[in-house]
Protein backbone atom coordinates (compact mmCIF):
# COMPACT_ATOMS: atom_id res chain seq x y z
CA MET A 1 -8.03 46.78 72.58
CA ASN A 2 -8.72 49.71 74.24
CA ARG A 3 -12.85 49.39 75.03
CA GLU A 4 -15.05 49.83 78.16
CA GLY A 5 -17.53 46.91 79.37
CA PRO A 6 -18.14 43.99 81.12
CA ASP A 7 -17.72 41.33 77.95
CA ILE A 8 -14.54 42.81 76.51
CA ILE A 9 -12.31 40.28 77.54
CA CYS A 10 -13.93 37.87 75.81
CA SER A 11 -14.72 40.19 72.77
CA MET A 12 -12.69 40.57 69.81
CA ASP A 13 -12.34 43.66 67.16
CA GLU A 14 -12.55 43.26 63.60
CA LYS A 15 -8.72 42.77 63.09
CA ASN A 16 -8.88 39.69 65.30
CA CYS A 17 -12.01 38.31 63.63
CA ARG A 18 -10.34 38.85 60.65
CA GLU A 19 -7.01 37.12 61.40
CA LEU A 20 -9.16 34.25 63.37
CA ILE A 21 -10.99 33.49 60.08
CA GLU A 22 -8.22 33.89 57.47
CA GLY A 23 -6.04 31.22 60.32
CA SER A 24 -8.84 28.77 60.33
CA ARG A 25 -8.88 28.96 56.35
CA ILE A 26 -4.94 28.37 56.23
CA ILE A 27 -5.59 25.51 58.83
CA TRP A 28 -8.79 23.91 56.82
CA GLN A 29 -6.04 24.09 53.62
CA GLN A 30 -2.99 22.49 54.80
CA ARG A 31 -5.16 20.16 57.19
CA GLY A 32 -4.89 17.24 53.71
CA GLY A 33 -5.19 13.98 54.21
CA LYS A 34 -7.89 11.80 55.39
CA LYS A 35 -9.01 10.86 58.77
CA GLU A 36 -9.08 7.50 59.75
CA PRO A 37 -7.89 4.93 62.06
CA ILE A 38 -4.10 4.06 62.41
CA GLU A 39 -3.57 -0.01 62.57
CA GLU A 40 -2.63 0.15 66.62
CA GLU A 41 -6.18 1.45 67.31
CA LYS A 42 -8.04 -0.82 65.13
CA VAL A 43 -8.06 -3.33 67.88
CA THR A 44 -9.57 -0.97 70.41
CA MET A 45 -12.33 0.01 67.89
CA ASN A 46 -12.93 -4.06 67.10
CA PHE A 47 -13.20 -4.35 71.29
CA ALA A 48 -15.21 -1.14 71.60
CA PHE A 49 -17.72 -1.35 69.06
CA ALA A 50 -20.27 -3.90 68.38
CA SER A 51 -21.31 -5.72 65.48
CA VAL A 52 -24.65 -7.25 64.31
CA CYS A 53 -25.03 -11.11 65.67
CA ALA A 54 -27.74 -13.81 65.71
CA THR A 55 -28.81 -13.72 69.33
CA LYS A 56 -30.48 -17.47 68.28
CA ASP A 57 -30.56 -19.99 65.55
CA ILE A 58 -32.11 -18.23 62.35
CA PRO A 59 -33.27 -21.02 59.58
CA LYS A 60 -32.77 -19.78 56.18
CA GLY A 61 -35.77 -18.15 54.88
CA ASN A 62 -36.80 -16.60 58.35
CA ILE A 63 -36.60 -12.79 58.29
CA LEU A 64 -34.55 -10.92 61.00
CA SER A 65 -35.93 -9.18 63.77
CA ALA A 66 -35.65 -7.86 67.53
CA GLU A 67 -36.41 -11.42 68.45
CA ASN A 68 -33.10 -12.81 67.08
CA ILE A 69 -30.58 -10.42 66.36
CA TRP A 70 -28.83 -7.83 68.38
CA VAL A 71 -25.48 -6.10 68.49
CA LYS A 72 -22.62 -7.35 70.66
CA ARG A 73 -18.98 -6.92 70.78
CA PRO A 74 -16.65 -7.11 69.32
CA GLY A 75 -17.07 -4.82 66.50
CA SER A 76 -15.10 -7.13 64.05
CA GLY A 77 -18.43 -8.51 62.15
CA GLU A 78 -19.02 -6.78 58.13
CA ILE A 79 -22.04 -5.12 59.76
CA LEU A 80 -21.43 -2.74 62.43
CA ALA A 81 -24.01 -1.50 65.14
CA GLU A 82 -24.89 1.68 63.50
CA ASP A 83 -26.50 -0.67 60.53
CA TYR A 84 -28.80 -2.63 62.88
CA GLU A 85 -32.07 -1.12 61.55
CA LYS A 86 -30.97 -1.76 57.93
CA VAL A 87 -30.67 -5.37 58.56
CA ILE A 88 -33.85 -5.85 60.55
CA GLY A 89 -37.02 -7.16 58.26
CA ARG A 90 -34.28 -8.58 55.99
CA MET A 91 -34.50 -12.30 55.27
CA ALA A 92 -31.56 -14.72 55.74
CA LYS A 93 -30.15 -16.29 52.74
CA LYS A 94 -29.11 -19.37 54.58
CA ASP A 95 -28.95 -20.93 58.41
CA ILE A 96 -27.16 -18.28 60.76
CA LYS A 97 -26.22 -19.85 63.99
CA LYS A 98 -26.58 -18.17 67.29
CA ASP A 99 -23.36 -15.73 67.99
CA GLN A 100 -22.61 -15.88 64.49
CA HIS A 101 -21.43 -12.18 63.02
CA ILE A 102 -24.19 -11.46 60.14
CA SER A 103 -22.83 -10.62 57.03
CA TRP A 104 -24.68 -8.57 54.12
CA THR A 105 -23.85 -11.64 52.00
CA ASP A 106 -26.17 -13.68 54.39
CA LEU A 107 -29.41 -11.60 53.29
CA VAL A 108 -31.78 -11.45 50.95
């Protein structure tokens, strides 16, 4: 590019822009597959992430709240921390012991 200006070093012309867009389309089309962790990464993920657990014994019929559940490591439970809000207000279908991972089947 034979142009002048203070920001020309980080600019591109139409040809370069077209090549960038076309190249990104090719990369997008060729990426294939799906993004998911490999088996070796799952151990680290289970440790690094958290699951919803009972912070005290929850008798059958009690409502789950911030008073009796929280998220703890490891993230090997069925309900991950990202779904914590979905569990609040649900009723326990059975007795849930303190420090037990909570499952969707435990809830009404």
